[in-house]
């Protein structure tokens, strides 16, 4: 069904004056913005002398968590690799030498250059084995240095587990956060 002529509203382009053709209003508006910013406090941080103040939900370098016995917590279920939109996680499973699980990751590799740090791997993990830490200064001189294997991911855990700056997003319950009762939030008086 075509649109009725009475429902169509024609819009006329604005009429431009001499100042508009010379871009005077645009230049004056730009100069006013520049002058306003000249008198504001700068937000530049002097990194690395001044450490940045990161928000609590900052997602940085990955780590593989350890369980109470110091073993890798991962059960090689491939949930993180399946959920990863960047396809940067590669896991090779092997039969577990421990009686409390069927599999464990023989190799666990994350390509940090390919990762988009979305946190989907952390969300998908049923046993809270993988977390994103607040480490932000990730550098490497070659592509090989930016591919984190299981040992390097476990060393990140050892480095960050006692850090007061690192927020813990998941709890260390035996069956993950899904099995724990919800926390009571204090009510404001």
Protein backbone atom coordinates (compact mmCIF):
# COMPACT_ATOMS: atom_id res chain seq x y z
CA UNK A 1 0.00 0.00 0.00
CA UNK A 2 1.57 3.34 -1.02
CA UNK A 3 1.89 6.22 1.45
CA UNK A 4 -0.84 8.82 1.19
CA UNK A 5 0.25 12.24 -0.05
CA UNK A 6 -1.17 13.91 3.09
CA UNK A 7 1.18 11.75 5.29
CA UNK A 8 4.33 12.89 3.47
CA UNK A 9 6.12 15.86 5.04
CA UNK A 10 8.67 17.61 2.85
CA UNK A 11 11.63 19.11 4.68
CA UNK A 12 13.28 22.19 3.26
CA UNK A 13 17.05 22.64 3.67
CA UNK A 14 17.96 25.53 5.97
CA UNK A 15 18.76 28.85 4.35
CA UNK A 16 22.42 29.75 4.86
CA UNK A 17 23.54 33.32 5.35
CA UNK A 18 26.90 34.89 4.54
CA UNK A 19 28.42 33.94 7.93
CA UNK A 20 27.34 30.32 7.43
CA UNK A 21 29.00 30.17 4.03
CA UNK A 22 32.22 31.56 5.54
CA UNK A 23 32.06 28.93 8.37
CA UNK A 24 32.25 31.71 11.00
CA UNK A 25 29.81 30.04 13.47
CA UNK A 26 31.67 26.73 13.22
CA UNK A 27 35.05 28.37 13.80
CA UNK A 28 33.74 30.37 16.77
CA UNK A 29 32.18 27.23 18.30
CA UNK A 30 35.49 25.37 17.91
CA UNK A 31 37.47 28.19 19.51
CA UNK A 32 35.03 28.29 22.43
CA UNK A 33 35.51 24.55 22.97
CA UNK A 34 39.30 24.98 22.87
CA UNK A 35 39.19 27.85 25.36
CA UNK A 36 36.95 25.84 27.71
CA UNK A 37 39.40 22.90 27.69
CA UNK A 38 42.41 25.15 28.29
CA UNK A 39 41.25 25.92 31.82
CA UNK A 40 40.33 22.37 32.88
CA UNK A 41 42.59 20.07 34.88
CA UNK A 42 44.42 17.66 32.52
CA UNK A 43 43.62 13.96 32.79
CA UNK A 44 47.01 12.75 31.54
CA UNK A 45 48.68 10.22 33.83
CA UNK A 46 52.45 10.00 33.99
CA UNK A 47 52.76 6.27 33.27
CA UNK A 48 54.89 4.32 34.30
CA UNK A 49 55.81 6.60 37.22
CA UNK A 50 52.14 6.87 38.18
CA UNK A 51 50.21 3.59 38.18
CA UNK A 52 46.73 3.86 36.64
CA UNK A 53 43.70 3.52 38.88
CA UNK A 54 41.84 0.66 37.23
CA UNK A 55 38.14 0.01 37.72
CA UNK A 56 37.23 -3.16 39.66
CA UNK A 57 35.82 -4.85 36.56
CA UNK A 58 38.96 -4.37 34.45
CA UNK A 59 39.80 -7.47 32.40
CA UNK A 60 43.49 -8.07 31.83
CA UNK A 61 45.81 -11.05 31.45
CA UNK A 62 44.34 -14.54 31.93
CA UNK A 63 45.29 -16.96 34.65
CA UNK A 64 44.58 -20.63 35.29
CA UNK A 65 43.57 -21.22 38.89
CA UNK A 66 44.86 -24.00 41.11
CA UNK A 67 42.73 -26.13 43.44
CA UNK A 68 43.39 -26.75 47.15
CA UNK A 69 46.04 -29.39 46.36
CA UNK A 70 47.92 -27.05 44.00
CA UNK A 71 46.80 -28.86 40.84
CA UNK A 72 45.36 -27.13 37.80
CA UNK A 73 41.66 -26.57 38.45
CA UNK A 74 40.65 -27.07 34.80
CA UNK A 75 38.77 -30.28 33.93
CA UNK A 76 39.25 -29.90 30.14
CA UNK A 77 35.54 -29.56 29.38
CA UNK A 78 36.21 -27.18 26.42
CA UNK A 79 33.49 -24.76 27.57
CA UNK A 80 35.86 -21.78 27.49
CA UNK A 81 37.17 -22.64 24.04
CA UNK A 82 33.61 -23.08 22.78
CA UNK A 83 32.44 -19.76 24.24
CA UNK A 84 35.44 -17.78 22.98
CA UNK A 85 34.38 -15.54 20.05
CA UNK A 86 38.02 -14.96 19.03
CA UNK A 87 38.90 -18.69 19.00
CA UNK A 88 42.13 -18.02 20.88
CA UNK A 89 41.95 -20.92 23.37
CA UNK A 90 43.34 -24.34 22.46
CA UNK A 91 43.04 -27.28 24.85
CA UNK A 92 44.30 -30.84 24.51
CA UNK A 93 42.72 -33.14 27.10
CA UNK A 94 44.26 -36.23 28.65
CA UNK A 95 42.99 -38.80 31.15
CA UNK A 96 43.38 -37.43 34.64
CA UNK A 97 45.95 -39.00 36.96
CA UNK A 98 43.76 -37.95 39.90
CA UNK A 99 40.65 -39.91 40.95
CA UNK A 100 38.39 -36.88 41.44
CA UNK A 101 38.04 -36.02 37.72
CA UNK A 102 37.98 -37.68 34.33
CA UNK A 103 40.19 -35.33 32.34
CA UNK A 104 42.70 -32.57 32.79
CA UNK A 105 44.35 -30.29 30.23
CA UNK A 106 47.54 -31.81 28.92
CA UNK A 107 48.08 -28.53 27.07
CA UNK A 108 46.18 -25.28 27.57
CA UNK A 109 47.17 -22.39 25.29
CA UNK A 110 45.77 -18.86 24.98
CA UNK A 111 46.89 -16.55 22.19
CA UNK A 112 46.89 -13.19 24.00
CA UNK A 113 47.29 -11.26 20.75
CA UNK A 114 44.12 -12.76 19.33
CA UNK A 115 42.08 -12.42 22.53
CA UNK A 116 39.57 -9.57 22.76
CA UNK A 117 39.36 -9.79 26.59
CA UNK A 118 35.58 -10.15 26.60
CA UNK A 119 35.43 -12.46 29.62
CA UNK A 120 33.28 -15.13 27.95
CA UNK A 121 35.78 -17.85 28.91
CA UNK A 122 35.53 -16.81 32.54
CA UNK A 123 31.73 -16.84 32.39
CA UNK A 124 31.56 -20.25 30.69
CA UNK A 125 33.93 -22.12 33.00
CA UNK A 126 31.90 -24.42 35.30
CA UNK A 127 34.75 -24.87 37.82
CA UNK A 128 36.19 -21.32 37.89
CA UNK A 129 39.47 -22.49 36.41
CA UNK A 130 40.11 -19.46 34.21
CA UNK A 131 40.01 -15.82 35.27
CA UNK A 132 40.97 -12.47 33.87
CA UNK A 133 43.26 -10.56 36.23
CA UNK A 134 43.94 -6.86 36.57
CA UNK A 135 47.42 -7.14 35.03
CA UNK A 136 47.53 -4.65 32.19
CA UNK A 137 51.20 -4.35 31.24
CA UNK A 138 51.35 -7.25 28.84
CA UNK A 139 54.35 -7.01 26.54
CA UNK A 140 56.29 -9.33 24.31
CA UNK A 141 59.03 -9.03 21.73
CA UNK A 142 57.68 -11.78 19.49
CA UNK A 143 54.43 -13.57 18.74
CA UNK A 144 55.69 -16.67 20.54
CA UNK A 145 56.08 -14.70 23.79
CA UNK A 146 52.41 -13.68 23.60
CA UNK A 147 51.14 -17.25 23.41
CA UNK A 148 50.54 -18.30 27.02
CA UNK A 149 50.77 -22.02 27.73
CA UNK A 150 49.58 -23.84 30.86
CA UNK A 151 52.76 -23.23 32.83
CA UNK A 152 52.77 -19.50 32.08
CA UNK A 153 49.06 -19.19 32.96
CA UNK A 154 49.66 -21.01 36.25
CA UNK A 155 52.60 -18.70 37.00
CA UNK A 156 50.27 -15.72 36.52
CA UNK A 157 48.03 -17.31 39.16
CA UNK A 158 50.99 -17.72 41.52
CA UNK A 159 51.92 -14.08 40.92
CA UNK A 160 48.43 -12.63 41.45
CA UNK A 161 46.76 -14.90 44.02
CA UNK A 162 47.90 -12.81 47.02
CA UNK A 163 47.76 -9.44 45.32
CA UNK A 164 45.44 -7.05 47.17
CA UNK A 165 44.93 -5.07 43.97
CA UNK A 166 43.60 -8.02 42.00
CA UNK A 167 39.82 -8.38 42.28
CA UNK A 168 38.53 -11.90 42.66
CA UNK A 169 35.45 -12.29 40.49
CA UNK A 170 34.77 -15.91 41.29
CA UNK A 171 34.81 -17.74 44.57
CA UNK A 172 36.77 -20.84 45.33
CA UNK A 173 33.82 -23.09 46.11
CA UNK A 174 34.12 -26.76 45.25
CA UNK A 175 31.43 -26.64 42.58
CA UNK A 176 31.89 -23.01 41.50
CA UNK A 177 29.77 -19.98 42.21
CA UNK A 178 26.62 -21.56 40.79
CA UNK A 179 26.39 -23.93 43.77
CA UNK A 180 26.83 -21.30 46.45
CA UNK A 181 23.92 -19.54 48.17
CA UNK A 182 23.41 -15.94 47.08
CA UNK A 183 25.10 -13.37 49.26
CA UNK A 184 22.94 -11.13 51.39
CA UNK A 185 23.38 -7.48 50.58
CA UNK A 186 23.31 -5.13 53.57
CA UNK A 187 20.30 -2.87 53.57
CA UNK A 188 20.79 0.86 53.91
CA UNK A 189 19.25 2.41 57.00
